[in-house]
Amino acid sequence: MRFALVFALILAVLTVVFALQNDDPMAVDFLFVQTQGSKALILIVTFAIGVVTGLLSTLPGRIRDKRKIKKMKGGPSSPTPGPSAFESPSSESYSRKKKSSSSSDAGSNPSTSSQTSS
């Protein structure tokens, strides 16, 4: 949290410096609207409009994902999902698999079976 605060303060200071260095008036024509303002103000407003547009464009997907998560966590009528493919096997099942593979390897290897019988 402290890093975010420091980053925000540095960003604010850089924005003020940018605005002070770019205070020349600039005319903007967009469709039927004509306005005039400082270069820095126009760039900052344009950036803010872009950020808002980007956030709004991701909103439908985020709502859809939240609904899916809510449905998966849902009540007793919804089926519970099985184990994830990314979960690690339990230590008990892993040790059973390891023992069974090592015992089958010992019987198939003639050199180890001859050594144990002599």
C-alpha atoms as a PDB file:
ATOM      1  CA  MET A   1       0.000   0.000   0.000  1.00  0.00           C
ATOM      2  CA  ARG A   2       2.840   2.344   0.774  1.00  0.00           C
ATOM      3  CA  PHE A   3       4.316   1.716  -2.702  1.00  0.00           C
ATOM      4  CA  ALA A   4       0.990   2.618  -4.342  1.00  0.00           C
ATOM      5  CA  LEU A   5       0.830   5.880  -2.390  1.00  0.00           C
ATOM      6  CA  VAL A   6       4.374   6.851  -3.346  1.00  0.00           C
ATOM      7  CA  PHE A   7       3.695   5.933  -6.980  1.00  0.00           C
ATOM      8  CA  ALA A   8       0.500   8.038  -7.016  1.00  0.00           C
ATOM      9  CA  LEU A   9       2.327  11.035  -5.531  1.00  0.00           C
ATOM     10  CA  ILE A  10       5.140  10.790  -8.085  1.00  0.00           C
ATOM     11  CA  LEU A  11       2.585  10.501 -10.881  1.00  0.00           C
ATOM     12  CA  ALA A  12       0.721  13.568  -9.568  1.00  0.00           C
ATOM     13  CA  VAL A  13       3.925  15.622  -9.408  1.00  0.00           C
ATOM     14  CA  LEU A  14       4.877  14.599 -12.952  1.00  0.00           C
ATOM     15  CA  THR A  15       1.393  15.543 -14.165  1.00  0.00           C
ATOM     16  CA  VAL A  16       1.672  19.011 -12.604  1.00  0.00           C
ATOM     17  CA  VAL A  17       5.124  19.524 -14.137  1.00  0.00           C
ATOM     18  CA  PHE A  18       3.760  18.406 -17.514  1.00  0.00           C
ATOM     19  CA  ALA A  19       0.816  20.808 -17.223  1.00  0.00           C
ATOM     20  CA  LEU A  20       3.078  23.728 -16.294  1.00  0.00           C
ATOM     21  CA  GLN A  21       5.413  23.102 -19.242  1.00  0.00           C
ATOM     22  CA  ASN A  22       2.594  22.701 -21.785  1.00  0.00           C
ATOM     23  CA  ASP A  23       0.280  25.599 -21.070  1.00  0.00           C
ATOM     24  CA  ASP A  24       0.102  26.845 -24.669  1.00  0.00           C
ATOM     25  CA  PRO A  25      -3.473  27.234 -25.921  1.00  0.00           C
ATOM     26  CA  MET A  26      -4.665  24.657 -28.423  1.00  0.00           C
ATOM     27  CA  ALA A  27      -7.844  24.530 -30.497  1.00  0.00           C
ATOM     28  CA  VAL A  28      -9.794  21.277 -30.663  1.00  0.00           C
ATOM     29  CA  ASP A  29     -12.482  20.496 -33.245  1.00  0.00           C
ATOM     30  CA  PHE A  30     -14.570  17.358 -32.707  1.00  0.00           C
ATOM     31  CA  LEU A  31     -17.676  16.817 -34.813  1.00  0.00           C
ATOM     32  CA  PHE A  32     -19.768  19.938 -34.147  1.00  0.00           C
ATOM     33  CA  VAL A  33     -17.893  21.076 -31.038  1.00  0.00           C
ATOM     34  CA  GLN A  34     -15.035  23.552 -31.089  1.00  0.00           C
ATOM     35  CA  THR A  35     -13.110  24.360 -27.943  1.00  0.00           C
ATOM     36  CA  GLN A  36      -9.800  25.747 -26.851  1.00  0.00           C
ATOM     37  CA  GLY A  37      -7.646  24.814 -23.858  1.00  0.00           C
ATOM     38  CA  SER A  38      -4.109  24.166 -22.780  1.00  0.00           C
ATOM     39  CA  LYS A  39      -2.252  21.267 -24.395  1.00  0.00           C
ATOM     40  CA  ALA A  40      -1.780  19.538 -21.057  1.00  0.00           C
ATOM     41  CA  LEU A  41      -5.443  19.792 -20.097  1.00  0.00           C
ATOM     42  CA  ILE A  42      -6.579  18.437 -23.448  1.00  0.00           C
ATOM     43  CA  LEU A  43      -4.120  15.525 -23.275  1.00  0.00           C
ATOM     44  CA  ILE A  44      -5.080  14.650 -19.683  1.00  0.00           C
ATOM     45  CA  VAL A  45      -8.811  14.760 -20.492  1.00  0.00           C
ATOM     46  CA  THR A  46      -8.239  12.636 -23.600  1.00  0.00           C
ATOM     47  CA  PHE A  47      -6.286  10.102 -21.555  1.00  0.00           C
ATOM     48  CA  ALA A  48      -9.029   9.977 -18.913  1.00  0.00           C
ATOM     49  CA  ILE A  49     -11.681   9.400 -21.593  1.00  0.00           C
ATOM     50  CA  GLY A  50      -9.564   6.540 -22.958  1.00  0.00           C
ATOM     51  CA  VAL A  51      -9.228   4.937 -19.523  1.00  0.00           C
ATOM     52  CA  VAL A  52     -12.976   5.158 -18.909  1.00  0.00           C
ATOM     53  CA  THR A  53     -13.685   3.716 -22.370  1.00  0.00           C
ATOM     54  CA  GLY A  54     -11.311   0.809 -21.702  1.00  0.00           C
ATOM     55  CA  LEU A  55     -12.897   0.051 -18.334  1.00  0.00           C
ATOM     56  CA  LEU A  56     -16.409   0.188 -19.792  1.00  0.00           C
ATOM     57  CA  SER A  57     -15.420  -2.147 -22.627  1.00  0.00           C
ATOM     58  CA  THR A  58     -14.295  -4.812 -20.133  1.00  0.00           C
ATOM     59  CA  LEU A  59     -17.400  -4.460 -17.956  1.00  0.00           C
ATOM     60  CA  PRO A  60     -19.637  -7.027 -19.757  1.00  0.00           C
ATOM     61  CA  GLY A  61     -16.964  -9.731 -19.512  1.00  0.00           C
ATOM     62  CA  ARG A  62     -16.363  -9.020 -15.839  1.00  0.00           C
ATOM     63  CA  ILE A  63     -20.083  -9.205 -15.076  1.00  0.00           C
ATOM     64  CA  ARG A  64     -20.337 -12.499 -16.987  1.00  0.00           C
ATOM     65  CA  ASP A  65     -17.356 -13.933 -15.078  1.00  0.00           C
ATOM     66  CA  LYS A  66     -18.814 -12.884 -11.715  1.00  0.00           C
ATOM     67  CA  ARG A  67     -22.103 -14.588 -12.613  1.00  0.00           C
ATOM     68  CA  LYS A  68     -20.258 -17.792 -13.534  1.00  0.00           C
ATOM     69  CA  ILE A  69     -18.320 -17.741 -10.269  1.00  0.00           C
ATOM     70  CA  LYS A  70     -21.488 -17.096  -8.289  1.00  0.00           C
ATOM     71  CA  LYS A  71     -23.231 -19.940 -10.119  1.00  0.00           C
ATOM     72  CA  MET A  72     -20.332 -22.325  -9.441  1.00  0.00           C
ATOM     73  CA  LYS A  73     -20.264 -21.404  -5.736  1.00  0.00           C
ATOM     74  CA  GLY A  74     -24.085 -21.447  -5.743  1.00  0.00           C
ATOM     75  CA  GLY A  75     -26.570 -23.240  -3.557  1.00  0.00           C
ATOM     76  CA  PRO A  76     -27.305 -26.948  -3.018  1.00  0.00           C
ATOM     77  CA  SER A  77     -28.973 -27.382  -6.406  1.00  0.00           C
ATOM     78  CA  SER A  78     -25.776 -26.729  -8.322  1.00  0.00           C
ATOM     79  CA  PRO A  79     -23.389 -29.670  -8.747  1.00  0.00           C
ATOM     80  CA  THR A  80     -20.051 -29.394  -7.017  1.00  0.00           C
ATOM     81  CA  PRO A  81     -17.119 -29.356  -9.409  1.00  0.00           C
ATOM     82  CA  GLY A  82     -14.638 -32.206  -9.311  1.00  0.00           C
ATOM     83  CA  PRO A  83     -10.977 -31.851  -8.389  1.00  0.00           C
ATOM     84  CA  SER A  84      -9.019 -29.426 -10.454  1.00  0.00           C
ATOM     85  CA  ALA A  85      -6.505 -30.651 -12.996  1.00  0.00           C
ATOM     86  CA  PHE A  86      -3.947 -28.383 -11.359  1.00  0.00           C
ATOM     87  CA  GLU A  87      -4.272 -29.826  -7.866  1.00  0.00           C
ATOM     88  CA  SER A  88      -1.396 -31.960  -6.673  1.00  0.00           C
ATOM     89  CA  PRO A  89      -2.158 -35.553  -5.741  1.00  0.00           C
ATOM     90  CA  SER A  90      -2.488 -36.293  -2.056  1.00  0.00           C
ATOM     91  CA  SER A  91       0.567 -37.766  -0.395  1.00  0.00           C
ATOM     92  CA  GLU A  92      -1.277 -41.010   0.378  1.00  0.00           C
ATOM     93  CA  SER A  93      -2.288 -41.729  -3.216  1.00  0.00           C
ATOM     94  CA  TYR A  94       1.136 -40.647  -4.445  1.00  0.00           C
ATOM     95  CA  SER A  95       2.927 -43.040  -2.089  1.00  0.00           C
ATOM     96  CA  ARG A  96       0.615 -45.918  -3.100  1.00  0.00           C
ATOM     97  CA  LYS A  97       1.361 -45.307  -6.772  1.00  0.00           C
ATOM     98  CA  LYS A  98       5.081 -45.141  -6.059  1.00  0.00           C
ATOM     99  CA  LYS A  99       5.055 -48.407  -4.086  1.00  0.00           C
ATOM    100  CA  SER A 100       3.089 -50.267  -6.734  1.00  0.00           C
ATOM    101  CA  SER A 101       5.390 -49.114  -9.534  1.00  0.00           C
ATOM    102  CA  SER A 102       8.521 -50.025  -7.570  1.00  0.00           C
ATOM    103  CA  SER A 103       7.231 -53.518  -6.747  1.00  0.00           C
ATOM    104  CA  SER A 104       6.370 -54.201 -10.403  1.00  0.00           C
ATOM    105  CA  ASP A 105       9.815 -52.982 -11.473  1.00  0.00           C
ATOM    106  CA  ALA A 106      11.544 -55.356  -9.041  1.00  0.00           C
ATOM    107  CA  GLY A 107       9.789 -58.424 -10.427  1.00  0.00           C
ATOM    108  CA  SER A 108      10.522 -57.559 -14.034  1.00  0.00           C
ATOM    109  CA  ASN A 109      14.229 -56.911 -13.619  1.00  0.00           C
ATOM    110  CA  PRO A 110      16.105 -60.259 -13.689  1.00  0.00           C
ATOM    111  CA  SER A 111      19.352 -58.864 -12.273  1.00  0.00           C
ATOM    112  CA  THR A 112      17.718 -57.739  -9.028  1.00  0.00           C
ATOM    113  CA  SER A 113      15.737 -60.956  -8.603  1.00  0.00           C
ATOM    114  CA  SER A 114      18.881 -63.128  -9.111  1.00  0.00           C
ATOM    115  CA  GLN A 115      20.796 -61.055  -6.595  1.00  0.00           C
ATOM    116  CA  THR A 116      18.128 -61.471  -3.954  1.00  0.00           C
ATOM    117  CA  SER A 117      17.870 -65.261  -4.430  1.00  0.00           C
ATOM    118  CA  SER A 118      21.623 -65.926  -4.031  1.00  0.00           C
END
